[in-house]
C-alpha atoms as a PDB file:
ATOM      1  CA  MET A   1     -21.427   8.953  13.387  1.00  0.00           C
ATOM      2  CA  ASP A   2     -19.990   8.890  16.906  1.00  0.00           C
ATOM      3  CA  SER A   3     -16.845  10.536  18.276  1.00  0.00           C
ATOM      4  CA  ILE A   4     -14.719   7.448  17.621  1.00  0.00           C
ATOM      5  CA  SER A   5     -15.746   7.150  13.969  1.00  0.00           C
ATOM      6  CA  LYS A   6     -14.536   8.969  10.873  1.00  0.00           C
ATOM      7  CA  THR A   7     -15.663   8.896   7.266  1.00  0.00           C
ATOM      8  CA  CYS A   8     -13.464   7.612   4.461  1.00  0.00           C
ATOM      9  CA  GLY A   9     -13.527  11.114   3.011  1.00  0.00           C
ATOM     10  CA  TYR A  10     -11.874  12.505   6.141  1.00  0.00           C
ATOM     11  CA  SER A  11      -8.686  10.601   5.240  1.00  0.00           C
ATOM     12  CA  ARG A  12      -8.699  11.346   1.505  1.00  0.00           C
ATOM     13  CA  SER A  13      -5.271  12.397   0.249  1.00  0.00           C
ATOM     14  CA  VAL A  14      -4.283  13.388  -3.287  1.00  0.00           C
ATOM     15  CA  GLN A  15      -0.892  13.763  -4.934  1.00  0.00           C
ATOM     16  CA  SER A  16       0.071  14.495  -8.511  1.00  0.00           C
ATOM     17  CA  SER A  17       3.287  14.751 -10.437  1.00  0.00           C
ATOM     18  CA  TYR A  18       4.453  15.453 -13.957  1.00  0.00           C
ATOM     19  CA  VAL A  19       6.308  12.439 -15.401  1.00  0.00           C
ATOM     20  CA  MET A  20       9.734  13.518 -16.643  1.00  0.00           C
ATOM     21  CA  THR A  21      12.401  11.533 -18.485  1.00  0.00           C
ATOM     22  CA  PRO A  22      14.518  10.748 -15.363  1.00  0.00           C
ATOM     23  CA  ASP A  23      11.381   9.118 -13.854  1.00  0.00           C
ATOM     24  CA  THR A  24      11.055   6.660 -16.736  1.00  0.00           C
ATOM     25  CA  ASN A  25      12.522   3.411 -17.982  1.00  0.00           C
ATOM     26  CA  ASN A  26      13.875   2.654 -21.452  1.00  0.00           C
ATOM     27  CA  TYR A  27      10.272   2.467 -22.752  1.00  0.00           C
ATOM     28  CA  GLN A  28       9.690   6.083 -21.643  1.00  0.00           C
ATOM     29  CA  THR A  29       7.122   4.958 -19.072  1.00  0.00           C
ATOM     30  CA  LEU A  30       7.150   5.669 -15.350  1.00  0.00           C
ATOM     31  CA  TYR A  31       9.360   3.296 -13.364  1.00  0.00           C
ATOM     32  CA  GLY A  32       7.265   0.847 -11.363  1.00  0.00           C
ATOM     33  CA  GLY A  33       9.440   1.476  -8.307  1.00  0.00           C
ATOM     34  CA  LYS A  34       8.895   5.225  -8.578  1.00  0.00           C
ATOM     35  CA  LEU A  35       5.139   4.685  -8.703  1.00  0.00           C
ATOM     36  CA  MET A  36       5.387   2.315  -5.713  1.00  0.00           C
ATOM     37  CA  SER A  37       7.105   5.087  -3.752  1.00  0.00           C
ATOM     38  CA  TYR A  38       4.346   7.549  -4.696  1.00  0.00           C
ATOM     39  CA  ILE A  39       1.717   4.991  -3.628  1.00  0.00           C
ATOM     40  CA  ASP A  40       3.311   4.389  -0.221  1.00  0.00           C
ATOM     41  CA  ASN A  41       3.680   8.139   0.331  1.00  0.00           C
ATOM     42  CA  VAL A  42       0.083   9.114  -0.445  1.00  0.00           C
ATOM     43  CA  ALA A  43      -1.302   6.089   1.421  1.00  0.00           C
ATOM     44  CA  ALA A  44       0.742   6.940   4.524  1.00  0.00           C
ATOM     45  CA  ARG A  45      -0.641  10.478   4.479  1.00  0.00           C
ATOM     46  CA  ALA A  46      -4.208   9.137   4.287  1.00  0.00           C
ATOM     47  CA  ALA A  47      -3.508   6.829   7.254  1.00  0.00           C
ATOM     48  CA  MET A  48      -1.943   9.696   9.215  1.00  0.00           C
ATOM     49  CA  ARG A  49      -4.888  11.955   8.417  1.00  0.00           C
ATOM     50  CA  HIS A  50      -7.298   9.278   9.712  1.00  0.00           C
ATOM     51  CA  SER A  51      -5.347   8.408  12.865  1.00  0.00           C
ATOM     52  CA  ARG A  52      -3.639  11.758  13.506  1.00  0.00           C
ATOM     53  CA  LYS A  53      -0.651   9.633  14.540  1.00  0.00           C
ATOM     54  CA  GLN A  54       2.637   8.466  13.086  1.00  0.00           C
ATOM     55  CA  VAL A  55       2.125   5.339  11.008  1.00  0.00           C
ATOM     56  CA  VAL A  56       4.213   2.502   9.646  1.00  0.00           C
ATOM     57  CA  THR A  57       3.532   0.414   6.574  1.00  0.00           C
ATOM     58  CA  ALA A  58       2.543  -3.062   7.764  1.00  0.00           C
ATOM     59  CA  SER A  59       1.995  -4.508   4.300  1.00  0.00           C
ATOM     60  CA  THR A  60       1.615  -3.662   0.685  1.00  0.00           C
ATOM     61  CA  ASP A  61      -1.147  -6.081  -0.157  1.00  0.00           C
ATOM     62  CA  SER A  62      -1.258  -5.475  -3.873  1.00  0.00           C
ATOM     63  CA  ILE A  63      -0.232  -3.145  -6.621  1.00  0.00           C
ATOM     64  CA  ASP A  64      -1.858  -3.923  -9.907  1.00  0.00           C
ATOM     65  CA  PHE A  65      -0.305  -2.096 -12.848  1.00  0.00           C
ATOM     66  CA  LEU A  66      -3.055  -1.750 -15.455  1.00  0.00           C
ATOM     67  CA  HIS A  67      -1.632   0.739 -17.981  1.00  0.00           C
ATOM     68  CA  PRO A  68       1.776   2.395 -18.427  1.00  0.00           C
ATOM     69  CA  ILE A  69       2.155   6.087 -17.608  1.00  0.00           C
ATOM     70  CA  LYS A  70       4.176   7.853 -20.285  1.00  0.00           C
ATOM     71  CA  VAL A  71       6.744  10.615 -20.060  1.00  0.00           C
ATOM     72  CA  GLY A  72       4.988  13.978 -20.309  1.00  0.00           C
ATOM     73  CA  ASN A  73       1.819  12.683 -18.658  1.00  0.00           C
ATOM     74  CA  GLU A  74       0.533  13.616 -15.257  1.00  0.00           C
ATOM     75  CA  VAL A  75       0.201  10.903 -12.633  1.00  0.00           C
ATOM     76  CA  CYS A  76      -2.452  11.580  -9.990  1.00  0.00           C
ATOM     77  CA  LEU A  77      -2.918   9.381  -6.933  1.00  0.00           C
ATOM     78  CA  GLU A  78      -5.947   9.353  -4.642  1.00  0.00           C
ATOM     79  CA  ALA A  79      -5.887   7.463  -1.337  1.00  0.00           C
ATOM     80  CA  PHE A  80      -8.300   6.936   1.532  1.00  0.00           C
ATOM     81  CA  VAL A  81      -8.793   4.626   4.487  1.00  0.00           C
ATOM     82  CA  THR A  82     -11.331   1.934   3.583  1.00  0.00           C
ATOM     83  CA  TRP A  83     -11.384  -0.189   6.744  1.00  0.00           C
ATOM     84  CA  THR A  84      -9.932  -0.239  10.226  1.00  0.00           C
ATOM     85  CA  HIS A  85      -9.158  -2.852  12.816  1.00  0.00           C
ATOM     86  CA  LYS A  86      -7.988  -2.079  16.352  1.00  0.00           C
ATOM     87  CA  THR A  87      -4.682  -0.357  15.466  1.00  0.00           C
ATOM     88  CA  SER A  88      -4.469  -0.936  11.712  1.00  0.00           C
ATOM     89  CA  MET A  89      -5.933   0.770   8.679  1.00  0.00           C
ATOM     90  CA  GLU A  90      -6.431  -0.536   5.156  1.00  0.00           C
ATOM     91  CA  VAL A  91      -5.806   2.169   2.549  1.00  0.00           C
ATOM     92  CA  PHE A  92      -6.915   2.056  -1.090  1.00  0.00           C
ATOM     93  CA  VAL A  93      -4.935   3.965  -3.719  1.00  0.00           C
ATOM     94  CA  LYS A  94      -6.176   4.730  -7.220  1.00  0.00           C
ATOM     95  CA  VAL A  95      -3.588   5.914  -9.763  1.00  0.00           C
ATOM     96  CA  ILE A  96      -4.736   7.923 -12.779  1.00  0.00           C
ATOM     97  CA  GLY A  97      -2.553   8.813 -15.735  1.00  0.00           C
ATOM     98  CA  GLU A  98      -3.553  11.798 -17.835  1.00  0.00           C
ATOM     99  CA  ASP A  99      -2.286  12.824 -21.255  1.00  0.00           C
ATOM    100  CA  LEU A 100      -2.105  16.570 -20.719  1.00  0.00           C
ATOM    101  CA  PHE A 101      -2.485  17.304 -24.468  1.00  0.00           C
ATOM    102  CA  THR A 102      -5.505  15.115 -25.270  1.00  0.00           C
ATOM    103  CA  GLY A 103      -7.104  15.033 -21.818  1.00  0.00           C
ATOM    104  CA  GLU A 104      -7.377  11.223 -21.985  1.00  0.00           C
ATOM    105  CA  ARG A 105      -7.396   9.751 -18.472  1.00  0.00           C
ATOM    106  CA  LYS A 106      -6.970   6.120 -17.441  1.00  0.00           C
ATOM    107  CA  VAL A 107      -6.865   4.281 -14.155  1.00  0.00           C
ATOM    108  CA  CYS A 108      -3.314   2.976 -14.481  1.00  0.00           C
ATOM    109  CA  ALA A 109      -2.948   1.155 -11.165  1.00  0.00           C
ATOM    110  CA  THR A 110      -4.769   0.248  -7.976  1.00  0.00           C
ATOM    111  CA  SER A 111      -3.278  -0.706  -4.652  1.00  0.00           C
ATOM    112  CA  PHE A 112      -4.145  -1.779  -1.124  1.00  0.00           C
ATOM    113  CA  LEU A 113      -1.783  -1.145   1.779  1.00  0.00           C
ATOM    114  CA  THR A 114      -2.067  -1.606   5.518  1.00  0.00           C
ATOM    115  CA  PHE A 115      -0.696   0.818   8.101  1.00  0.00           C
ATOM    116  CA  VAL A 116      -0.438   0.680  11.878  1.00  0.00           C
ATOM    117  CA  ALA A 117      -0.836   3.833  13.970  1.00  0.00           C
ATOM    118  CA  LEU A 118       1.855   4.446  16.596  1.00  0.00           C
ATOM    119  CA  GLY A 119       1.754   6.377  19.839  1.00  0.00           C
ATOM    120  CA  GLU A 120       4.556   8.608  21.098  1.00  0.00           C
ATOM    121  CA  ASP A 121       6.171   5.543  22.690  1.00  0.00           C
ATOM    122  CA  GLY A 122       6.342   3.809  19.296  1.00  0.00           C
ATOM    123  CA  ARG A 123       3.737   1.203  20.246  1.00  0.00           C
ATOM    124  CA  PRO A 124       0.524   0.578  18.275  1.00  0.00           C
ATOM    125  CA  VAL A 125      -2.477   2.670  19.332  1.00  0.00           C
ATOM    126  CA  GLU A 126      -6.176   2.329  18.602  1.00  0.00           C
ATOM    127  CA  VAL A 127      -7.686   4.129  15.635  1.00  0.00           C
ATOM    128  CA  ALA A 128     -11.201   5.385  14.968  1.00  0.00           C
ATOM    129  CA  ARG A 129     -13.466   3.055  13.060  1.00  0.00           C
ATOM    130  CA  ILE A 130     -14.287   3.968   9.483  1.00  0.00           C
ATOM    131  CA  VAL A 131     -17.702   4.936   8.136  1.00  0.00           C
ATOM    132  CA  PRO A 132     -18.073   4.589   4.355  1.00  0.00           C
ATOM    133  CA  GLU A 133     -20.486   6.933   2.570  1.00  0.00           C
ATOM    134  CA  THR A 134     -20.215   6.585  -1.227  1.00  0.00           C
ATOM    135  CA  VAL A 135     -20.989   3.480  -3.288  1.00  0.00           C
ATOM    136  CA  GLU A 136     -17.246   3.024  -3.958  1.00  0.00           C
ATOM    137  CA  GLU A 137     -16.364   3.385  -0.257  1.00  0.00           C
ATOM    138  CA  ILE A 138     -19.138   1.000   0.847  1.00  0.00           C
ATOM    139  CA  HIS A 139     -17.980  -1.618  -1.668  1.00  0.00           C
ATOM    140  CA  LEU A 140     -14.360  -1.387  -0.514  1.00  0.00           C
ATOM    141  CA  HIS A 141     -15.402  -1.434   3.160  1.00  0.00           C
ATOM    142  CA  ASP A 142     -17.696  -4.457   2.699  1.00  0.00           C
ATOM    143  CA  THR A 143     -15.011  -6.460   0.868  1.00  0.00           C
ATOM    144  CA  ALA A 144     -12.227  -5.515   3.315  1.00  0.00           C
ATOM    145  CA  PRO A 145     -12.681  -8.402   5.799  1.00  0.00           C
ATOM    146  CA  ALA A 146     -11.878 -10.914   3.041  1.00  0.00           C
ATOM    147  CA  ARG A 147      -8.733  -8.960   2.150  1.00  0.00           C
ATOM    148  CA  ALA A 148      -7.803  -8.829   5.858  1.00  0.00           C
ATOM    149  CA  GLU A 149      -8.109 -12.617   6.111  1.00  0.00           C
ATOM    150  CA  ALA A 150      -5.978 -13.048   2.972  1.00  0.00           C
ATOM    151  CA  ARG A 151      -3.363 -10.716   4.540  1.00  0.00           C
ATOM    152  CA  ARG A 152      -3.389 -12.766   7.745  1.00  0.00           C
ATOM    153  CA  GLN A 153      -2.867 -16.011   5.834  1.00  0.00           C
ATOM    154  CA  ARG A 154      -0.166 -14.477   3.614  1.00  0.00           C
ATOM    155  CA  ARG A 155       1.652 -13.167   6.707  1.00  0.00           C
ATOM    156  CA  GLN A 156       1.631 -16.654   8.261  1.00  0.00           C
ATOM    157  CA  GLU A 157       3.083 -18.072   5.051  1.00  0.00           C
ATOM    158  CA  SER A 158       5.728 -15.318   4.972  1.00  0.00           C
ATOM    159  CA  LYS A 159       6.754 -16.179   8.540  1.00  0.00           C
ATOM    160  CA  LYS A 160       7.119 -19.848   7.541  1.00  0.00           C
ATOM    161  CA  LEU A 161       9.255 -18.870   4.540  1.00  0.00           C
ATOM    162  CA  ALA A 162      11.433 -16.682   6.771  1.00  0.00           C
ATOM    163  CA  GLU A 163      12.026 -19.662   9.064  1.00  0.00           C
ATOM    164  CA  VAL A 164      12.884 -21.958   6.145  1.00  0.00           C
ATOM    165  CA  PHE A 165      15.255 -19.535   4.449  1.00  0.00           C
ATOM    166  CA  GLY A 166      16.697 -17.964   7.578  1.00  0.00           C
ATOM    167  CA  THR A 167      19.523 -15.460   7.535  1.00  0.00           C
ATOM    168  CA  LYS A 168      22.268 -17.435   5.813  1.00  0.00           C
ATOM    169  CA  ARG A 169      24.129 -15.664   3.101  1.00  0.00           C
ATOM    170  CA  PRO A 170      23.261 -17.211  -0.258  1.00  0.00           C
ATOM    171  CA  TRP A 171      26.862 -18.259  -0.896  1.00  0.00           C
ATOM    172  CA  GLU A 172      27.277 -20.160   2.385  1.00  0.00           C
ATOM    173  CA  ASN A 173      26.615 -23.911   2.317  1.00  0.00           C
ATOM    174  CA  VAL A 174      24.434 -23.637  -0.756  1.00  0.00           C
ATOM    175  CA  ASN A 175      24.671 -27.334  -1.507  1.00  0.00           C
ATOM    176  CA  THR A 176      24.528 -28.800   1.989  1.00  0.00           C
ATOM    177  CA  PRO A 177      22.681 -32.102   1.475  1.00  0.00           C
ATOM    178  CA  LYS A 178      19.568 -32.635   3.571  1.00  0.00           C
ATOM    179  CA  GLY A 179      20.466 -34.301   6.842  1.00  0.00           C
ATOM    180  CA  GLN A 180      24.100 -33.164   6.746  1.00  0.00           C
ATOM    181  CA  PRO A 181      25.399 -30.888   9.496  1.00  0.00           C
ATOM    182  CA  ASP A 182      25.512 -27.198   8.664  1.00  0.00           C
ATOM    183  CA  ASN A 183      28.721 -25.839  10.178  1.00  0.00           C
ATOM    184  CA  SER A 184      28.083 -22.155   9.526  1.00  0.00           C
END
């Protein structure tokens, strides 16, 4: 490993929390939005640990909810950088729910996010390349270019949608027929 490379393990970040009633929905399971906040938080810390810079979330590629996390359980999140490009980092997050009375543990969600490292001037800066070591890390690193291409294509589609929908308020000229002037 050279001086501009870091292992996935170097960025590893862990966070856990006890799920209490205010954190849950009417089914007594952790709010999806609350879990999304936890995911973004732990992933950002992994990206910061890798880059040793401020970071911004560039995309949340996926969050797959596999099992609910119940009130009274512990939720534990593990994140690490799986792949890097020039200024961006892909971060994988694994979410485990644990019943603290039975000891049963389940992977309840997985997620991929992308972060960009920023310099003191707020502009993107280069990051060290990643070196995977474990079987899990190697698998995620080897499959990352395909996810990066899917992100690139999805971003292009999002830009097209933004152009189509624009910034009009939903209540303005909702039924303007195609070809008619829009006087807003």
